[in-house]
Amino acid sequence: MANKVVLITGASSGIGKSIGEFLVDKGYKVYGTSRNPKQKELNGVQFVALDVTKPETITSAVQEIILKEKRIDYLVNNAGMGITGPLEETPDQEIRRVFDTNYFGVINVIKAVLPIMREQKDGFIINITSIAGYMGLPYRGIYSATKGALELTTEAFRMELREFNIKMTNIAPGDFATNIAAGRFHAPVVKDSPYEENYGNTLKLMDEHVDKGEDPIKMAKKVFEVMQQKKPKIHYKVGEALQKFSIALKHILPDKMYEKMLMKHYKL
């Protein structure tokens, strides 16, 4: 694996950090990105500056890696942000910001690596989405929308890229013990808002789920496993059995019954 080059966005903490360090141990040459790297190298991961909301930094980072390595074999799109709040009360600018990060930013990174992968006649792109992208969750509707959009876009990309021998897949994590809850945008719980009680309670429940989430190393192992597949599936899910089962239930249950199940889970 010494000659295989991996680019991971959002690699300074959480799932991205775990993936990067795990792949270094497996012998890959790993480049990780963050908006403002504090060091050029950490635990074997080489860092480059990249902000997915700024296309010029994407171009610069990809060109820097190609100049050094002459190739990029794998791209792991991990950079993202969370957002919570009643849809009615979430500011438009925050909705646009999370779409810029979780969707448009990812698309722009993909566009930046496709020319070198097409030249190589080989490449593998893994998009880290979310189990939340399979359903519209209360007070997380925007986050669900960004991840759901990426899931569907990947389906289209796969068919367009097949003739170039470029593979693409999604890996959707459930709740993992990371700092996403601390870093996401929380629409404030507004006193006397019609959503005050339900949103406040749901927010506490969501934070508890993340705090009790699984070790990110589980995602790192899954990414490595998927990277070995010659014919990867379109969608992979990683998380607790109940979280993965909830996706299956959505395809089985009538819509209103599934909706009632979600509302009961969130105590609405």
C-alpha atoms as a PDB file:
ATOM      1  CA  MET A   1       0.000   0.000   0.000  1.00  0.00           C
ATOM      2  CA  ALA A   2       3.068   2.246   0.186  1.00  0.00           C
ATOM      3  CA  ASN A   3       2.316   3.784  -3.230  1.00  0.00           C
ATOM      4  CA  LYS A   4      -1.397   4.276  -2.631  1.00  0.00           C
ATOM      5  CA  VAL A   5      -2.305   7.891  -1.866  1.00  0.00           C
ATOM      6  CA  VAL A   6      -5.378   8.771   0.178  1.00  0.00           C
ATOM      7  CA  LEU A   7      -6.921  12.226   0.620  1.00  0.00           C
ATOM      8  CA  ILE A   8      -9.258  12.626   3.604  1.00  0.00           C
ATOM      9  CA  THR A   9     -11.155  15.851   4.202  1.00  0.00           C
ATOM     10  CA  GLY A  10     -11.886  16.891   7.765  1.00  0.00           C
ATOM     11  CA  ALA A  11      -9.116  14.718   9.186  1.00  0.00           C
ATOM     12  CA  SER A  12      -8.086  16.701  12.259  1.00  0.00           C
ATOM     13  CA  SER A  13     -10.603  15.149  14.665  1.00  0.00           C
ATOM     14  CA  GLY A  14     -13.333  12.563  15.141  1.00  0.00           C
ATOM     15  CA  ILE A  15     -14.070  10.052  12.403  1.00  0.00           C
ATOM     16  CA  GLY A  16     -11.659  11.633   9.912  1.00  0.00           C
ATOM     17  CA  LYS A  17      -8.763  11.487  12.353  1.00  0.00           C
ATOM     18  CA  SER A  18      -9.462   7.838  13.154  1.00  0.00           C
ATOM     19  CA  ILE A  19      -9.651   6.925   9.465  1.00  0.00           C
ATOM     20  CA  GLY A  20      -6.408   8.707   8.664  1.00  0.00           C
ATOM     21  CA  GLU A  21      -4.367   7.170  11.459  1.00  0.00           C
ATOM     22  CA  PHE A  22      -5.788   3.690  10.807  1.00  0.00           C
ATOM     23  CA  LEU A  23      -4.866   3.864   7.114  1.00  0.00           C
ATOM     24  CA  VAL A  24      -1.346   5.073   7.937  1.00  0.00           C
ATOM     25  CA  ASP A  25      -0.941   1.940  10.070  1.00  0.00           C
ATOM     26  CA  LYS A  26      -2.080  -0.102   7.072  1.00  0.00           C
ATOM     27  CA  GLY A  27       0.672   1.357   4.919  1.00  0.00           C
ATOM     28  CA  TYR A  28      -1.150   4.050   2.935  1.00  0.00           C
ATOM     29  CA  LYS A  29       0.283   7.497   2.219  1.00  0.00           C
ATOM     30  CA  VAL A  30      -2.368   9.679   3.834  1.00  0.00           C
ATOM     31  CA  TYR A  31      -3.056  13.371   3.350  1.00  0.00           C
ATOM     32  CA  GLY A  32      -5.590  14.922   5.680  1.00  0.00           C
ATOM     33  CA  THR A  33      -7.181  18.325   5.471  1.00  0.00           C
ATOM     34  CA  SER A  34      -8.417  20.926   7.879  1.00  0.00           C
ATOM     35  CA  ARG A  35      -9.190  24.594   7.409  1.00  0.00           C
ATOM     36  CA  ASN A  36      -6.177  25.699   9.439  1.00  0.00           C
ATOM     37  CA  PRO A  37      -3.734  22.833  10.098  1.00  0.00           C
ATOM     38  CA  LYS A  38      -1.838  23.275  13.355  1.00  0.00           C
ATOM     39  CA  GLN A  39       0.985  21.067  12.117  1.00  0.00           C
ATOM     40  CA  LYS A  40       2.192  19.589   8.844  1.00  0.00           C
ATOM     41  CA  GLU A  41       2.180  16.020  10.162  1.00  0.00           C
ATOM     42  CA  LEU A  42       0.439  14.185  12.983  1.00  0.00           C
ATOM     43  CA  ASN A  43       0.700  10.465  13.656  1.00  0.00           C
ATOM     44  CA  GLY A  44       1.805   9.842  10.101  1.00  0.00           C
ATOM     45  CA  VAL A  45      -0.958  11.892   8.438  1.00  0.00           C
ATOM     46  CA  GLN A  46       0.353  14.750   6.277  1.00  0.00           C
ATOM     47  CA  PHE A  47      -1.860  17.828   6.565  1.00  0.00           C
ATOM     48  CA  VAL A  48      -2.801  20.385   3.915  1.00  0.00           C
ATOM     49  CA  ALA A  49      -5.044  23.413   4.281  1.00  0.00           C
ATOM     50  CA  LEU A  50      -8.471  23.028   2.706  1.00  0.00           C
ATOM     51  CA  ASP A  51     -11.821  24.651   3.403  1.00  0.00           C
ATOM     52  CA  VAL A  52     -14.553  22.862   1.459  1.00  0.00           C
ATOM     53  CA  THR A  53     -16.572  26.100   1.273  1.00  0.00           C
ATOM     54  CA  LYS A  54     -13.703  27.858  -0.556  1.00  0.00           C
ATOM     55  CA  PRO A  55     -13.098  26.328  -4.012  1.00  0.00           C
ATOM     56  CA  GLU A  56      -9.711  27.992  -4.392  1.00  0.00           C
ATOM     57  CA  THR A  57      -8.375  26.104  -1.350  1.00  0.00           C
ATOM     58  CA  ILE A  58      -9.678  22.826  -2.767  1.00  0.00           C
ATOM     59  CA  THR A  59      -7.816  23.410  -6.032  1.00  0.00           C
ATOM     60  CA  SER A  60      -4.652  24.423  -4.206  1.00  0.00           C
ATOM     61  CA  ALA A  61      -4.669  21.393  -1.872  1.00  0.00           C
ATOM     62  CA  VAL A  62      -5.307  18.874  -4.642  1.00  0.00           C
ATOM     63  CA  GLN A  63      -2.606  20.409  -6.843  1.00  0.00           C
ATOM     64  CA  GLU A  64      -0.143  20.312  -3.926  1.00  0.00           C
ATOM     65  CA  ILE A  65      -0.727  16.588  -3.408  1.00  0.00           C
ATOM     66  CA  ILE A  66      -0.504  15.784  -7.133  1.00  0.00           C
ATOM     67  CA  LEU A  67       2.733  17.759  -7.392  1.00  0.00           C
ATOM     68  CA  LYS A  68       4.232  15.643  -4.602  1.00  0.00           C
ATOM     69  CA  GLU A  69       2.735  12.238  -5.335  1.00  0.00           C
ATOM     70  CA  LYS A  70       1.747  12.384  -9.035  1.00  0.00           C
ATOM     71  CA  ARG A  71      -1.532  10.633  -8.150  1.00  0.00           C
ATOM     72  CA  ILE A  72      -4.515  10.376  -5.804  1.00  0.00           C
ATOM     73  CA  ASP A  73      -5.888   6.852  -5.453  1.00  0.00           C
ATOM     74  CA  TYR A  74      -8.588   7.379  -2.826  1.00  0.00           C
ATOM     75  CA  LEU A  75     -10.682  10.323  -1.712  1.00  0.00           C
ATOM     76  CA  VAL A  76     -12.621  10.088   1.555  1.00  0.00           C
ATOM     77  CA  ASN A  77     -15.090  12.956   1.813  1.00  0.00           C
ATOM     78  CA  ASN A  78     -15.512  13.250   5.560  1.00  0.00           C
ATOM     79  CA  ALA A  79     -15.603  16.997   6.221  1.00  0.00           C
ATOM     80  CA  GLY A  80     -19.017  18.131   7.374  1.00  0.00           C
ATOM     81  CA  MET A  81     -21.005  19.987   9.991  1.00  0.00           C
ATOM     82  CA  GLY A  82     -24.183  19.420  11.928  1.00  0.00           C
ATOM     83  CA  ILE A  83     -27.186  21.671  12.311  1.00  0.00           C
ATOM     84  CA  THR A  84     -30.241  21.488  14.534  1.00  0.00           C
ATOM     85  CA  GLY A  85     -33.327  23.584  14.983  1.00  0.00           C
ATOM     86  CA  PRO A  86     -36.959  23.998  14.035  1.00  0.00           C
ATOM     87  CA  LEU A  87     -37.087  24.466  10.276  1.00  0.00           C
ATOM     88  CA  GLU A  88     -39.191  27.597  10.684  1.00  0.00           C
ATOM     89  CA  GLU A  89     -36.679  29.220  13.037  1.00  0.00           C
ATOM     90  CA  THR A  90     -33.399  28.190  11.379  1.00  0.00           C
ATOM     91  CA  PRO A  91     -31.740  31.209   9.699  1.00  0.00           C
ATOM     92  CA  ASP A  92     -31.402  31.000   5.912  1.00  0.00           C
ATOM     93  CA  GLN A  93     -27.695  31.817   6.118  1.00  0.00           C
ATOM     94  CA  GLU A  94     -27.089  28.799   8.370  1.00  0.00           C
ATOM     95  CA  ILE A  95     -29.067  26.533   6.060  1.00  0.00           C
ATOM     96  CA  ARG A  96     -26.940  27.694   3.135  1.00  0.00           C
ATOM     97  CA  ARG A  97     -23.731  27.301   5.146  1.00  0.00           C
ATOM     98  CA  VAL A  98     -24.415  23.671   6.008  1.00  0.00           C
ATOM     99  CA  PHE A  99     -25.350  22.874   2.407  1.00  0.00           C
ATOM    100  CA  ASP A 100     -22.124  24.569   1.281  1.00  0.00           C
ATOM    101  CA  THR A 101     -20.180  22.326   3.652  1.00  0.00           C
ATOM    102  CA  ASN A 102     -21.999  18.997   3.486  1.00  0.00           C
ATOM    103  CA  TYR A 103     -23.073  18.997  -0.139  1.00  0.00           C
ATOM    104  CA  PHE A 104     -21.602  21.614  -2.481  1.00  0.00           C
ATOM    105  CA  GLY A 105     -18.199  21.384  -0.799  1.00  0.00           C
ATOM    106  CA  VAL A 106     -18.120  17.628  -1.271  1.00  0.00           C
ATOM    107  CA  ILE A 107     -19.113  17.942  -4.939  1.00  0.00           C
ATOM    108  CA  ASN A 108     -16.324  20.472  -5.509  1.00  0.00           C
ATOM    109  CA  VAL A 109     -13.699  18.200  -3.928  1.00  0.00           C
ATOM    110  CA  ILE A 110     -14.901  15.339  -6.135  1.00  0.00           C
ATOM    111  CA  LYS A 111     -14.651  17.556  -9.221  1.00  0.00           C
ATOM    112  CA  ALA A 112     -11.103  18.514  -8.249  1.00  0.00           C
ATOM    113  CA  VAL A 113      -9.813  14.924  -8.065  1.00  0.00           C
ATOM    114  CA  LEU A 114     -11.654  13.461 -11.054  1.00  0.00           C
ATOM    115  CA  PRO A 115      -9.173  14.668 -13.731  1.00  0.00           C
ATOM    116  CA  ILE A 116      -6.191  12.928 -12.093  1.00  0.00           C
ATOM    117  CA  MET A 117      -8.221   9.772 -11.403  1.00  0.00           C
ATOM    118  CA  ARG A 118      -9.421   9.717 -15.019  1.00  0.00           C
ATOM    119  CA  GLU A 119      -5.807  10.151 -16.178  1.00  0.00           C
ATOM    120  CA  GLN A 120      -4.799   7.241 -13.926  1.00  0.00           C
ATOM    121  CA  LYS A 121      -7.759   5.212 -15.245  1.00  0.00           C
ATOM    122  CA  ASP A 122      -8.384   4.322 -11.613  1.00  0.00           C
ATOM    123  CA  GLY A 123      -9.757   5.872  -8.434  1.00  0.00           C
ATOM    124  CA  PHE A 124     -12.066   5.284  -5.514  1.00  0.00           C
ATOM    125  CA  ILE A 125     -14.191   7.954  -3.823  1.00  0.00           C
ATOM    126  CA  ILE A 126     -15.903   7.283  -0.491  1.00  0.00           C
ATOM    127  CA  ASN A 127     -18.497   9.759   0.741  1.00  0.00           C
ATOM    128  CA  ILE A 128     -19.221   9.776   4.464  1.00  0.00           C
ATOM    129  CA  THR A 129     -22.929  10.491   4.708  1.00  0.00           C
ATOM    130  CA  SER A 130     -25.227   9.648   7.636  1.00  0.00           C
ATOM    131  CA  ILE A 131     -28.021   7.308   8.624  1.00  0.00           C
ATOM    132  CA  ALA A 132     -29.908  10.581   9.203  1.00  0.00           C
ATOM    133  CA  GLY A 133     -29.814  11.030   5.416  1.00  0.00           C
ATOM    134  CA  TYR A 134     -32.303   8.206   4.964  1.00  0.00           C
ATOM    135  CA  MET A 135     -35.131   9.927   6.827  1.00  0.00           C
ATOM    136  CA  GLY A 136     -36.383  13.394   7.690  1.00  0.00           C
ATOM    137  CA  LEU A 137     -35.629  13.732  11.390  1.00  0.00           C
ATOM    138  CA  PRO A 138     -37.419  16.316  13.553  1.00  0.00           C
ATOM    139  CA  TYR A 139     -35.244  19.337  14.313  1.00  0.00           C
ATOM    140  CA  ARG A 140     -32.517  17.869  12.099  1.00  0.00           C
ATOM    141  CA  GLY A 141     -34.323  18.298   8.797  1.00  0.00           C
ATOM    142  CA  ILE A 142     -31.607  20.365   7.124  1.00  0.00           C
ATOM    143  CA  TYR A 143     -28.853  17.961   8.144  1.00  0.00           C
ATOM    144  CA  SER A 144     -30.924  15.024   6.866  1.00  0.00           C
ATOM    145  CA  ALA A 145     -31.460  16.879   3.581  1.00  0.00           C
ATOM    146  CA  THR A 146     -27.746  17.522   2.982  1.00  0.00           C
ATOM    147  CA  LYS A 147     -26.795  13.908   3.606  1.00  0.00           C
ATOM    148  CA  GLY A 148     -29.748  12.529   1.670  1.00  0.00           C
ATOM    149  CA  ALA A 149     -28.825  14.703  -1.304  1.00  0.00           C
ATOM    150  CA  LEU A 150     -25.276  13.339  -1.240  1.00  0.00           C
ATOM    151  CA  GLU A 151     -26.544   9.755  -1.087  1.00  0.00           C
ATOM    152  CA  LEU A 152     -28.601  10.290  -4.264  1.00  0.00           C
ATOM    153  CA  THR A 153     -25.892  12.236  -6.069  1.00  0.00           C
ATOM    154  CA  THR A 154     -23.477   9.371  -5.463  1.00  0.00           C
ATOM    155  CA  GLU A 155     -25.887   7.007  -7.199  1.00  0.00           C
ATOM    156  CA  ALA A 156     -25.773   9.213 -10.303  1.00  0.00           C
ATOM    157  CA  PHE A 157     -22.007   9.749 -10.130  1.00  0.00           C
ATOM    158  CA  ARG A 158     -21.352   5.995 -10.042  1.00  0.00           C
ATOM    159  CA  MET A 159     -23.052   5.477 -13.389  1.00  0.00           C
ATOM    160  CA  GLU A 160     -21.335   8.447 -15.010  1.00  0.00           C
ATOM    161  CA  LEU A 161     -17.859   7.421 -13.807  1.00  0.00           C
ATOM    162  CA  ARG A 162     -17.976   3.698 -14.495  1.00  0.00           C
ATOM    163  CA  GLU A 163     -16.449   4.009 -17.983  1.00  0.00           C
ATOM    164  CA  PHE A 164     -13.384   5.669 -16.427  1.00  0.00           C
ATOM    165  CA  ASN A 165     -12.845   2.875 -13.865  1.00  0.00           C
ATOM    166  CA  ILE A 166     -13.552   5.308 -11.013  1.00  0.00           C
ATOM    167  CA  LYS A 167     -15.540   3.784  -8.158  1.00  0.00           C
ATOM    168  CA  MET A 168     -17.722   5.658  -5.678  1.00  0.00           C
ATOM    169  CA  THR A 169     -19.741   4.643  -2.641  1.00  0.00           C
ATOM    170  CA  ASN A 170     -21.419   6.022   0.478  1.00  0.00           C
ATOM    171  CA  ILE A 171     -20.752   4.984   4.053  1.00  0.00           C
ATOM    172  CA  ALA A 172     -23.463   6.212   6.414  1.00  0.00           C
ATOM    173  CA  PRO A 173     -22.548   6.307  10.115  1.00  0.00           C
ATOM    174  CA  GLY A 174     -25.039   6.414  12.956  1.00  0.00           C
ATOM    175  CA  ASP A 175     -24.130   8.053  16.268  1.00  0.00           C
ATOM    176  CA  PHE A 176     -20.419   8.091  17.055  1.00  0.00           C
ATOM    177  CA  ALA A 177     -18.600   9.642  19.984  1.00  0.00           C
ATOM    178  CA  THR A 178     -17.154  12.701  18.231  1.00  0.00           C
ATOM    179  CA  ASN A 179     -17.207  16.474  18.674  1.00  0.00           C
ATOM    180  CA  ILE A 180     -19.915  17.016  16.034  1.00  0.00           C
ATOM    181  CA  ALA A 181     -22.452  18.051  18.678  1.00  0.00           C
ATOM    182  CA  ALA A 182     -20.117  20.765  19.948  1.00  0.00           C
ATOM    183  CA  GLY A 183     -19.284  22.002  16.452  1.00  0.00           C
ATOM    184  CA  ARG A 184     -22.715  22.059  14.850  1.00  0.00           C
ATOM    185  CA  PHE A 185     -25.010  25.047  14.571  1.00  0.00           C
ATOM    186  CA  HIS A 186     -27.775  24.972  17.159  1.00  0.00           C
ATOM    187  CA  ALA A 187     -30.711  27.229  16.492  1.00  0.00           C
ATOM    188  CA  PRO A 188     -31.366  28.625  19.976  1.00  0.00           C
ATOM    189  CA  VAL A 189     -34.208  27.326  22.085  1.00  0.00           C
ATOM    190  CA  VAL A 190     -36.318  30.473  22.042  1.00  0.00           C
ATOM    191  CA  LYS A 191     -38.351  31.272  25.131  1.00  0.00           C
ATOM    192  CA  ASP A 192     -42.083  31.262  24.400  1.00  0.00           C
ATOM    193  CA  SER A 193     -41.467  29.839  20.926  1.00  0.00           C
ATOM    194  CA  PRO A 194     -44.137  27.322  19.856  1.00  0.00           C
ATOM    195  CA  TYR A 195     -41.229  24.835  19.536  1.00  0.00           C
ATOM    196  CA  GLU A 196     -39.565  25.642  22.871  1.00  0.00           C
ATOM    197  CA  GLU A 197     -40.477  22.493  24.803  1.00  0.00           C
ATOM    198  CA  ASN A 198     -40.267  19.890  22.037  1.00  0.00           C
ATOM    199  CA  TYR A 199     -37.075  21.268  20.487  1.00  0.00           C
ATOM    200  CA  GLY A 200     -35.394  21.655  23.870  1.00  0.00           C
ATOM    201  CA  ASN A 201     -36.171  18.053  24.814  1.00  0.00           C
ATOM    202  CA  THR A 202     -35.163  16.702  21.412  1.00  0.00           C
ATOM    203  CA  LEU A 203     -31.872  18.604  21.524  1.00  0.00           C
ATOM    204  CA  LYS A 204     -30.970  16.998  24.850  1.00  0.00           C
ATOM    205  CA  LEU A 205     -31.843  13.577  23.470  1.00  0.00           C
ATOM    206  CA  MET A 206     -29.690  14.079  20.364  1.00  0.00           C
ATOM    207  CA  ASP A 207     -26.693  15.162  22.422  1.00  0.00           C
ATOM    208  CA  GLU A 208     -27.097  12.119  24.660  1.00  0.00           C
ATOM    209  CA  HIS A 209     -27.061   9.849  21.604  1.00  0.00           C
ATOM    210  CA  VAL A 210     -23.760  11.346  20.417  1.00  0.00           C
ATOM    211  CA  ASP A 211     -22.210  11.201  23.906  1.00  0.00           C
ATOM    212  CA  LYS A 212     -23.101   7.503  24.108  1.00  0.00           C
ATOM    213  CA  GLY A 213     -22.049   6.846  20.509  1.00  0.00           C
ATOM    214  CA  GLU A 214     -19.657   4.218  19.302  1.00  0.00           C
ATOM    215  CA  ASP A 215     -15.873   4.509  18.935  1.00  0.00           C
ATOM    216  CA  PRO A 216     -14.881   6.173  15.610  1.00  0.00           C
ATOM    217  CA  ILE A 217     -12.355   3.372  15.055  1.00  0.00           C
ATOM    218  CA  LYS A 218     -15.319   1.269  13.930  1.00  0.00           C
ATOM    219  CA  MET A 219     -15.810   3.656  11.010  1.00  0.00           C
ATOM    220  CA  ALA A 220     -12.081   3.572  10.220  1.00  0.00           C
ATOM    221  CA  LYS A 221     -12.158  -0.214   9.979  1.00  0.00           C
ATOM    222  CA  LYS A 222     -15.219  -0.092   7.738  1.00  0.00           C
ATOM    223  CA  VAL A 223     -13.615   2.424   5.402  1.00  0.00           C
ATOM    224  CA  PHE A 224     -10.538   0.198   5.116  1.00  0.00           C
ATOM    225  CA  GLU A 225     -12.735  -2.838   4.474  1.00  0.00           C
ATOM    226  CA  VAL A 226     -14.671  -1.043   1.738  1.00  0.00           C
ATOM    227  CA  MET A 227     -11.453   0.190   0.124  1.00  0.00           C
ATOM    228  CA  GLN A 228     -10.525  -3.440  -0.555  1.00  0.00           C
ATOM    229  CA  GLN A 229     -13.687  -4.085  -2.579  1.00  0.00           C
ATOM    230  CA  LYS A 230     -13.279  -4.368  -6.340  1.00  0.00           C
ATOM    231  CA  LYS A 231     -17.015  -3.938  -6.812  1.00  0.00           C
ATOM    232  CA  PRO A 232     -18.242  -1.888  -3.844  1.00  0.00           C
ATOM    233  CA  LYS A 233     -21.908  -1.625  -3.003  1.00  0.00           C
ATOM    234  CA  ILE A 234     -23.665   1.710  -3.471  1.00  0.00           C
ATOM    235  CA  HIS A 235     -24.567   2.157   0.199  1.00  0.00           C
ATOM    236  CA  TYR A 236     -23.035   0.975   3.463  1.00  0.00           C
ATOM    237  CA  LYS A 237     -24.351   1.662   6.968  1.00  0.00           C
ATOM    238  CA  VAL A 238     -22.330   1.625  10.187  1.00  0.00           C
ATOM    239  CA  GLY A 239     -23.882   1.947  13.634  1.00  0.00           C
ATOM    240  CA  GLU A 240     -26.007   0.269  16.205  1.00  0.00           C
ATOM    241  CA  ALA A 241     -28.310  -2.483  14.969  1.00  0.00           C
ATOM    242  CA  LEU A 242     -31.407  -0.443  15.804  1.00  0.00           C
ATOM    243  CA  GLN A 243     -30.191   2.531  13.778  1.00  0.00           C
ATOM    244  CA  LYS A 244     -29.519   0.387  10.724  1.00  0.00           C
ATOM    245  CA  PHE A 245     -32.799  -1.464  11.210  1.00  0.00           C
ATOM    246  CA  SER A 246     -34.644   1.861  11.205  1.00  0.00           C
ATOM    247  CA  ILE A 247     -33.698   2.270   7.536  1.00  0.00           C
ATOM    248  CA  ALA A 248     -35.110  -1.146   6.674  1.00  0.00           C
ATOM    249  CA  LEU A 249     -38.304  -0.295   8.544  1.00  0.00           C
ATOM    250  CA  LYS A 250     -38.747   2.836   6.442  1.00  0.00           C
ATOM    251  CA  HIS A 251     -39.027   0.636   3.349  1.00  0.00           C
ATOM    252  CA  ILE A 252     -41.391  -1.805   5.044  1.00  0.00           C
ATOM    253  CA  LEU A 253     -43.782   0.271   7.127  1.00  0.00           C
ATOM    254  CA  PRO A 254     -46.486   2.589   5.795  1.00  0.00           C
ATOM    255  CA  ASP A 255     -45.308   6.196   5.836  1.00  0.00           C
ATOM    256  CA  LYS A 256     -47.589   7.343   8.641  1.00  0.00           C
ATOM    257  CA  MET A 257     -46.709   4.360  10.829  1.00  0.00           C
ATOM    258  CA  TYR A 258     -43.017   5.098  10.381  1.00  0.00           C
ATOM    259  CA  GLU A 259     -43.651   8.742  11.208  1.00  0.00           C
ATOM    260  CA  LYS A 260     -45.396   7.747  14.427  1.00  0.00           C
ATOM    261  CA  MET A 261     -42.455   5.516  15.321  1.00  0.00           C
ATOM    262  CA  LEU A 262     -40.018   8.425  14.910  1.00  0.00           C
ATOM    263  CA  MET A 263     -42.211  10.759  16.935  1.00  0.00           C
ATOM    264  CA  LYS A 264     -42.425   8.218  19.733  1.00  0.00           C
ATOM    265  CA  HIS A 265     -38.653   7.815  19.698  1.00  0.00           C
ATOM    266  CA  TYR A 266     -38.188  11.580  20.016  1.00  0.00           C
ATOM    267  CA  LYS A 267     -41.033  11.828  22.555  1.00  0.00           C
ATOM    268  CA  LEU A 268     -43.001  14.268  20.422  1.00  0.00           C
END
